[in-house]
Each structure stands twice: as C-alpha cells, then as structure tokens.
Amino acid sequence: MTHPRDAAGPDHKPVITHVPEIDGVITSTFPFVRYEHDNVLTEMYRPEWVGVFADGEPIEHLYMVSAPTGGIRKEWYYHDHTLDRYVLIKGKVDLGLYDGRESSPTYGNFIVISLGESGTGLPHAVRIPPLVWHSLKWVTDEGIFMNAKLPGYERNFPDKFRVSRDELPAIITWNI
C-alpha cells in the first residue's frame, strides 16, 4: 500500500536574541505552524538551533513545572554551576533576572523578561546561566514550562541557593 508523502516543509528557524542587559541570557521564539483549524505545531528543539541550547550541549534533566492556578513564586534563587533552560508550553510568565556574577560585565543588572506560548509574539524560551538569580510570576491563570537543566539535579547535593528578601539588592523591587 502506498500513500502520498507530505511535500517538503518550510525550513523553520527560531528567532534567537542575546539579552544585552544580562550577559549570557538568551531567548528564543520558536517557529509554529497553524494547521487544520486551530491546531498549532511548535518546534522546541533542534540540535542545529544554537541559542538557548548551545552547540552540542546535552539535555541531562528534563522536567515540567505546572501552575494550574497561576500565581507568584516569591522566592529568589540561583545555581552555582547549573544552567537552566526554560521552555514555555502554556500561558505567560514574567521572569525576573539579576546578575549576581561579580566577574560579569553586567554584574548588578536586573531585568524582567516575559515569556509566552506559541502565537503570542513573545519569546518561548530562555537560557539562564549559573549565578544569575531568578524569580517568576505567572501572568495567566495557568501555565506550564519545561526546564532542561544542565547538569541534572543531584538530590543529595542540590545546586540551589535561596536568597532571603532582606538580602536582595535595592535594585530588585519586583516580586517580593
């Protein structure tokens, strides 16, 4: 039995943006295709898309974070050596980032980045280097994102450091 093969598809490529306010932070807006009424296909990862995922960089730990009622995550935290790569699946989230790396050219800078699901015109993913503090706030009533951590989570020696509110630099007035 033979069935017709689909025609060659478009060469989809994401929009990669290096965020100048915090060195090493990169966002991606992934291509998406609407088909058959309101169905949407969104590509989230291809090894040739160098940006949020660096060339040859593995995915060692992939997990999903669900916020069925939205809300604010008021904690601020960072990782000493772990790289976070968030990929938003559903909803809209604002992500606060503070450069806590003393050797960074953008040390002490603070920004808020908005991520949105396919079709919002917002980036869908962000690369957060080690020692960049972060916190998030869901803008929508519900949301889902994936995190492709590198290296993977070590249960007996977690690479997560929480910053108390009284230790936040004065520049951070958001999400506290």
C-alpha atoms as a PDB file:
ATOM      1  CA  MET A   1       0.000   0.000   0.000  1.00  0.00           C
ATOM      2  CA  THR A   2       1.315   3.434  -0.906  1.00  0.00           C
ATOM      3  CA  HIS A   3       0.193   6.722   0.473  1.00  0.00           C
ATOM      4  CA  PRO A   4       1.249  10.184  -0.619  1.00  0.00           C
ATOM      5  CA  ARG A   5       4.222  11.630   1.202  1.00  0.00           C
ATOM      6  CA  ASP A   6       3.912  15.183   2.511  1.00  0.00           C
ATOM      7  CA  ALA A   7       5.687  17.812   0.466  1.00  0.00           C
ATOM      8  CA  ALA A   8       8.891  19.238   1.867  1.00  0.00           C
ATOM      9  CA  GLY A   9       8.089  21.598   4.703  1.00  0.00           C
ATOM     10  CA  PRO A  10       9.410  25.076   5.335  1.00  0.00           C
ATOM     11  CA  ASP A  11      12.843  25.500   6.893  1.00  0.00           C
ATOM     12  CA  HIS A  12      11.681  26.784  10.262  1.00  0.00           C
ATOM     13  CA  LYS A  13      14.198  28.645  12.355  1.00  0.00           C
ATOM     14  CA  PRO A  14      13.761  30.307  15.751  1.00  0.00           C
ATOM     15  CA  VAL A  15      14.446  33.945  16.488  1.00  0.00           C
ATOM     16  CA  ILE A  16      17.438  33.956  18.841  1.00  0.00           C
ATOM     17  CA  THR A  17      18.024  37.070  20.978  1.00  0.00           C
ATOM     18  CA  HIS A  18      21.041  37.745  23.177  1.00  0.00           C
ATOM     19  CA  VAL A  19      19.697  39.835  26.052  1.00  0.00           C
ATOM     20  CA  PRO A  20      22.214  42.693  26.430  1.00  0.00           C
ATOM     21  CA  GLU A  21      21.185  43.643  29.985  1.00  0.00           C
ATOM     22  CA  ILE A  22      22.487  40.354  31.436  1.00  0.00           C
ATOM     23  CA  ASP A  23      25.445  38.665  29.778  1.00  0.00           C
ATOM     24  CA  GLY A  24      24.765  35.076  28.716  1.00  0.00           C
ATOM     25  CA  VAL A  25      20.959  35.291  28.902  1.00  0.00           C
ATOM     26  CA  ILE A  26      19.445  34.228  25.581  1.00  0.00           C
ATOM     27  CA  THR A  27      15.811  33.993  24.496  1.00  0.00           C
ATOM     28  CA  SER A  28      14.276  32.066  21.605  1.00  0.00           C
ATOM     29  CA  THR A  29      10.995  32.464  19.805  1.00  0.00           C
ATOM     30  CA  PHE A  30      10.256  29.126  18.186  1.00  0.00           C
ATOM     31  CA  PRO A  31       8.530  28.726  14.841  1.00  0.00           C
ATOM     32  CA  PHE A  32       4.977  27.464  14.860  1.00  0.00           C
ATOM     33  CA  VAL A  33       2.615  26.286  12.169  1.00  0.00           C
ATOM     34  CA  ARG A  34      -1.176  26.529  12.269  1.00  0.00           C
ATOM     35  CA  TYR A  35      -2.949  23.697  10.504  1.00  0.00           C
ATOM     36  CA  GLU A  36      -6.451  22.264  10.272  1.00  0.00           C
ATOM     37  CA  HIS A  37      -8.487  24.959  12.017  1.00  0.00           C
ATOM     38  CA  ASP A  38      -6.818  25.902  15.295  1.00  0.00           C
ATOM     39  CA  ASN A  39      -4.154  23.223  15.711  1.00  0.00           C
ATOM     40  CA  VAL A  40      -0.629  24.508  16.264  1.00  0.00           C
ATOM     41  CA  LEU A  41       2.640  22.647  15.851  1.00  0.00           C
ATOM     42  CA  THR A  42       5.557  24.268  17.659  1.00  0.00           C
ATOM     43  CA  GLU A  43       9.098  23.005  17.290  1.00  0.00           C
ATOM     44  CA  MET A  44      11.002  23.469  20.564  1.00  0.00           C
ATOM     45  CA  TYR A  45      14.391  21.932  19.971  1.00  0.00           C
ATOM     46  CA  ARG A  46      16.604  21.030  17.053  1.00  0.00           C
ATOM     47  CA  PRO A  47      20.345  20.465  17.546  1.00  0.00           C
ATOM     48  CA  GLU A  48      21.217  22.928  14.784  1.00  0.00           C
ATOM     49  CA  TRP A  49      19.373  25.765  16.572  1.00  0.00           C
ATOM     50  CA  VAL A  50      22.203  27.245  18.608  1.00  0.00           C
ATOM     51  CA  GLY A  51      20.891  29.713  21.174  1.00  0.00           C
ATOM     52  CA  VAL A  52      19.043  28.642  24.329  1.00  0.00           C
ATOM     53  CA  PHE A  53      20.686  25.263  23.686  1.00  0.00           C
ATOM     54  CA  ALA A  54      24.377  25.660  22.806  1.00  0.00           C
ATOM     55  CA  ASP A  55      26.078  23.673  20.050  1.00  0.00           C
ATOM     56  CA  GLY A  56      26.472  20.047  21.170  1.00  0.00           C
ATOM     57  CA  GLU A  57      25.116  20.789  24.644  1.00  0.00           C
ATOM     58  CA  PRO A  58      23.180  17.840  26.066  1.00  0.00           C
ATOM     59  CA  ILE A  59      19.869  17.728  27.866  1.00  0.00           C
ATOM     60  CA  GLU A  60      20.618  15.806  31.074  1.00  0.00           C
ATOM     61  CA  HIS A  61      17.496  16.522  33.096  1.00  0.00           C
ATOM     62  CA  LEU A  62      14.133  17.479  31.628  1.00  0.00           C
ATOM     63  CA  TYR A  63      11.149  18.244  33.826  1.00  0.00           C
ATOM     64  CA  MET A  64       7.861  20.115  33.685  1.00  0.00           C
ATOM     65  CA  VAL A  65       6.552  22.780  36.049  1.00  0.00           C
ATOM     66  CA  SER A  66       2.784  23.206  36.108  1.00  0.00           C
ATOM     67  CA  ALA A  67       0.964  26.150  37.649  1.00  0.00           C
ATOM     68  CA  PRO A  68      -2.696  25.140  37.466  1.00  0.00           C
ATOM     69  CA  THR A  69      -3.810  28.294  39.301  1.00  0.00           C
ATOM     70  CA  GLY A  70      -1.111  30.727  38.137  1.00  0.00           C
ATOM     71  CA  GLY A  71       0.224  32.858  40.960  1.00  0.00           C
ATOM     72  CA  ILE A  72       3.519  34.260  42.123  1.00  0.00           C
ATOM     73  CA  ARG A  73       6.622  32.393  43.151  1.00  0.00           C
ATOM     74  CA  LYS A  74       8.056  34.933  45.587  1.00  0.00           C
ATOM     75  CA  GLU A  75      11.357  33.201  46.218  1.00  0.00           C
ATOM     76  CA  TRP A  76      14.605  34.323  44.621  1.00  0.00           C
ATOM     77  CA  TYR A  77      17.269  31.709  43.985  1.00  0.00           C
ATOM     78  CA  TYR A  78      20.312  30.881  41.875  1.00  0.00           C
ATOM     79  CA  HIS A  79      22.511  27.924  40.986  1.00  0.00           C
ATOM     80  CA  ASP A  80      26.276  27.811  41.483  1.00  0.00           C
ATOM     81  CA  HIS A  81      27.025  25.669  38.410  1.00  0.00           C
ATOM     82  CA  THR A  82      23.664  24.622  36.932  1.00  0.00           C
ATOM     83  CA  LEU A  83      22.294  26.084  33.717  1.00  0.00           C
ATOM     84  CA  ASP A  84      18.501  26.492  33.456  1.00  0.00           C
ATOM     85  CA  ARG A  85      16.797  26.437  30.049  1.00  0.00           C
ATOM     86  CA  TYR A  86      13.082  27.186  30.428  1.00  0.00           C
ATOM     87  CA  VAL A  87      10.733  26.396  27.530  1.00  0.00           C
ATOM     88  CA  LEU A  88       7.220  27.785  27.991  1.00  0.00           C
ATOM     89  CA  ILE A  89       4.457  25.435  26.854  1.00  0.00           C
ATOM     90  CA  LYS A  90       1.288  27.185  28.031  1.00  0.00           C
ATOM     91  CA  GLY A  91       0.422  30.598  29.421  1.00  0.00           C
ATOM     92  CA  LYS A  92       2.519  33.678  30.029  1.00  0.00           C
ATOM     93  CA  VAL A  93       5.125  34.187  32.733  1.00  0.00           C
ATOM     94  CA  ASP A  94       7.293  37.109  33.782  1.00  0.00           C
ATOM     95  CA  LEU A  95      10.781  36.118  34.836  1.00  0.00           C
ATOM     96  CA  GLY A  96      12.918  38.404  36.998  1.00  0.00           C
ATOM     97  CA  LEU A  97      16.676  38.063  36.475  1.00  0.00           C
ATOM     98  CA  TYR A  98      19.504  39.605  38.489  1.00  0.00           C
ATOM     99  CA  ASP A  99      23.165  39.213  37.519  1.00  0.00           C
ATOM    100  CA  GLY A 100      24.910  38.108  40.697  1.00  0.00           C
ATOM    101  CA  ARG A 101      28.220  37.245  38.976  1.00  0.00           C
ATOM    102  CA  GLU A 102      30.900  39.633  40.210  1.00  0.00           C
ATOM    103  CA  SER A 103      33.096  38.864  37.178  1.00  0.00           C
ATOM    104  CA  SER A 104      30.295  39.601  34.688  1.00  0.00           C
ATOM    105  CA  PRO A 105      30.274  42.806  32.602  1.00  0.00           C
ATOM    106  CA  THR A 106      26.581  43.155  33.555  1.00  0.00           C
ATOM    107  CA  TYR A 107      27.049  42.472  37.291  1.00  0.00           C
ATOM    108  CA  GLY A 108      24.266  44.027  39.374  1.00  0.00           C
ATOM    109  CA  ASN A 109      21.814  44.454  36.487  1.00  0.00           C
ATOM    110  CA  PHE A 110      18.169  43.497  36.951  1.00  0.00           C
ATOM    111  CA  ILE A 111      15.530  42.885  34.242  1.00  0.00           C
ATOM    112  CA  VAL A 112      12.139  41.264  33.778  1.00  0.00           C
ATOM    113  CA  ILE A 113      11.571  39.098  30.691  1.00  0.00           C
ATOM    114  CA  SER A 114       8.119  37.973  29.564  1.00  0.00           C
ATOM    115  CA  LEU A 115       7.736  34.528  28.003  1.00  0.00           C
ATOM    116  CA  GLY A 116       4.585  33.458  26.180  1.00  0.00           C
ATOM    117  CA  GLU A 117       3.187  30.395  24.459  1.00  0.00           C
ATOM    118  CA  SER A 118       3.125  29.991  20.676  1.00  0.00           C
ATOM    119  CA  GLY A 119       1.338  32.769  18.846  1.00  0.00           C
ATOM    120  CA  THR A 120       1.816  35.467  21.497  1.00  0.00           C
ATOM    121  CA  GLY A 121       4.758  37.088  19.730  1.00  0.00           C
ATOM    122  CA  LEU A 122       6.812  36.710  22.913  1.00  0.00           C
ATOM    123  CA  PRO A 123       9.894  34.513  23.291  1.00  0.00           C
ATOM    124  CA  HIS A 124       9.085  30.920  24.253  1.00  0.00           C
ATOM    125  CA  ALA A 125      12.377  30.008  25.920  1.00  0.00           C
ATOM    126  CA  VAL A 126      15.212  31.483  27.968  1.00  0.00           C
ATOM    127  CA  ARG A 127      18.742  30.406  28.897  1.00  0.00           C
ATOM    128  CA  ILE A 128      19.691  31.360  32.473  1.00  0.00           C
ATOM    129  CA  PRO A 129      23.411  30.991  33.247  1.00  0.00           C
ATOM    130  CA  PRO A 130      24.694  29.862  36.652  1.00  0.00           C
ATOM    131  CA  LEU A 131      24.804  32.587  39.340  1.00  0.00           C
ATOM    132  CA  VAL A 132      22.032  34.613  37.667  1.00  0.00           C
ATOM    133  CA  TRP A 133      19.321  34.952  40.312  1.00  0.00           C
ATOM    134  CA  HIS A 134      15.754  34.370  39.183  1.00  0.00           C
ATOM    135  CA  SER A 135      12.142  34.505  40.303  1.00  0.00           C
ATOM    136  CA  LEU A 136       8.897  34.207  38.365  1.00  0.00           C
ATOM    137  CA  LYS A 137       5.328  35.418  38.295  1.00  0.00           C
ATOM    138  CA  TRP A 138       2.559  33.832  36.227  1.00  0.00           C
ATOM    139  CA  VAL A 139       0.611  36.467  34.284  1.00  0.00           C
ATOM    140  CA  THR A 140      -2.031  33.969  33.157  1.00  0.00           C
ATOM    141  CA  ASP A 141      -4.350  31.947  35.370  1.00  0.00           C
ATOM    142  CA  GLU A 142      -2.469  28.770  34.488  1.00  0.00           C
ATOM    143  CA  GLY A 143       0.770  27.803  32.833  1.00  0.00           C
ATOM    144  CA  ILE A 144       3.309  25.101  32.071  1.00  0.00           C
ATOM    145  CA  PHE A 145       7.012  25.240  31.330  1.00  0.00           C
ATOM    146  CA  MET A 146       9.762  22.680  30.901  1.00  0.00           C
ATOM    147  CA  ASN A 147      13.264  23.039  32.268  1.00  0.00           C
ATOM    148  CA  ALA A 148      16.172  21.342  30.517  1.00  0.00           C
ATOM    149  CA  LYS A 149      18.755  21.579  33.316  1.00  0.00           C
ATOM    150  CA  LEU A 150      22.449  21.006  32.792  1.00  0.00           C
ATOM    151  CA  PRO A 151      23.825  19.223  34.691  1.00  0.00           C
ATOM    152  CA  GLY A 152      20.934  17.216  36.067  1.00  0.00           C
ATOM    153  CA  TYR A 153      19.556  17.642  39.572  1.00  0.00           C
ATOM    154  CA  GLU A 154      21.593  15.992  42.330  1.00  0.00           C
ATOM    155  CA  ARG A 155      19.191  15.000  45.091  1.00  0.00           C
ATOM    156  CA  ASN A 156      21.860  14.612  47.795  1.00  0.00           C
ATOM    157  CA  PHE A 157      23.671  17.853  46.952  1.00  0.00           C
ATOM    158  CA  PRO A 158      21.198  20.280  45.317  1.00  0.00           C
ATOM    159  CA  ASP A 159      22.706  23.190  43.417  1.00  0.00           C
ATOM    160  CA  LYS A 160      20.034  25.645  44.511  1.00  0.00           C
ATOM    161  CA  PHE A 161      20.604  28.618  46.784  1.00  0.00           C
ATOM    162  CA  ARG A 162      17.684  30.671  48.081  1.00  0.00           C
ATOM    163  CA  VAL A 163      18.162  34.392  48.652  1.00  0.00           C
ATOM    164  CA  SER A 164      16.155  35.830  51.542  1.00  0.00           C
ATOM    165  CA  ARG A 165      14.187  39.024  50.937  1.00  0.00           C
ATOM    166  CA  ASP A 166      16.358  41.051  53.299  1.00  0.00           C
ATOM    167  CA  GLU A 167      19.445  40.097  51.237  1.00  0.00           C
ATOM    168  CA  LEU A 168      18.021  41.317  47.907  1.00  0.00           C
ATOM    169  CA  PRO A 169      19.894  44.245  46.362  1.00  0.00           C
ATOM    170  CA  ALA A 170      17.949  47.533  46.336  1.00  0.00           C
ATOM    171  CA  ILE A 171      17.569  47.312  42.533  1.00  0.00           C
ATOM    172  CA  ILE A 172      15.181  44.345  42.972  1.00  0.00           C
ATOM    173  CA  THR A 173      11.803  45.784  43.876  1.00  0.00           C
ATOM    174  CA  TRP A 174       9.843  43.269  41.792  1.00  0.00           C
ATOM    175  CA  ASN A 175       8.128  40.091  43.020  1.00  0.00           C
ATOM    176  CA  ILE A 176       8.991  40.493  46.705  1.00  0.00           C
END
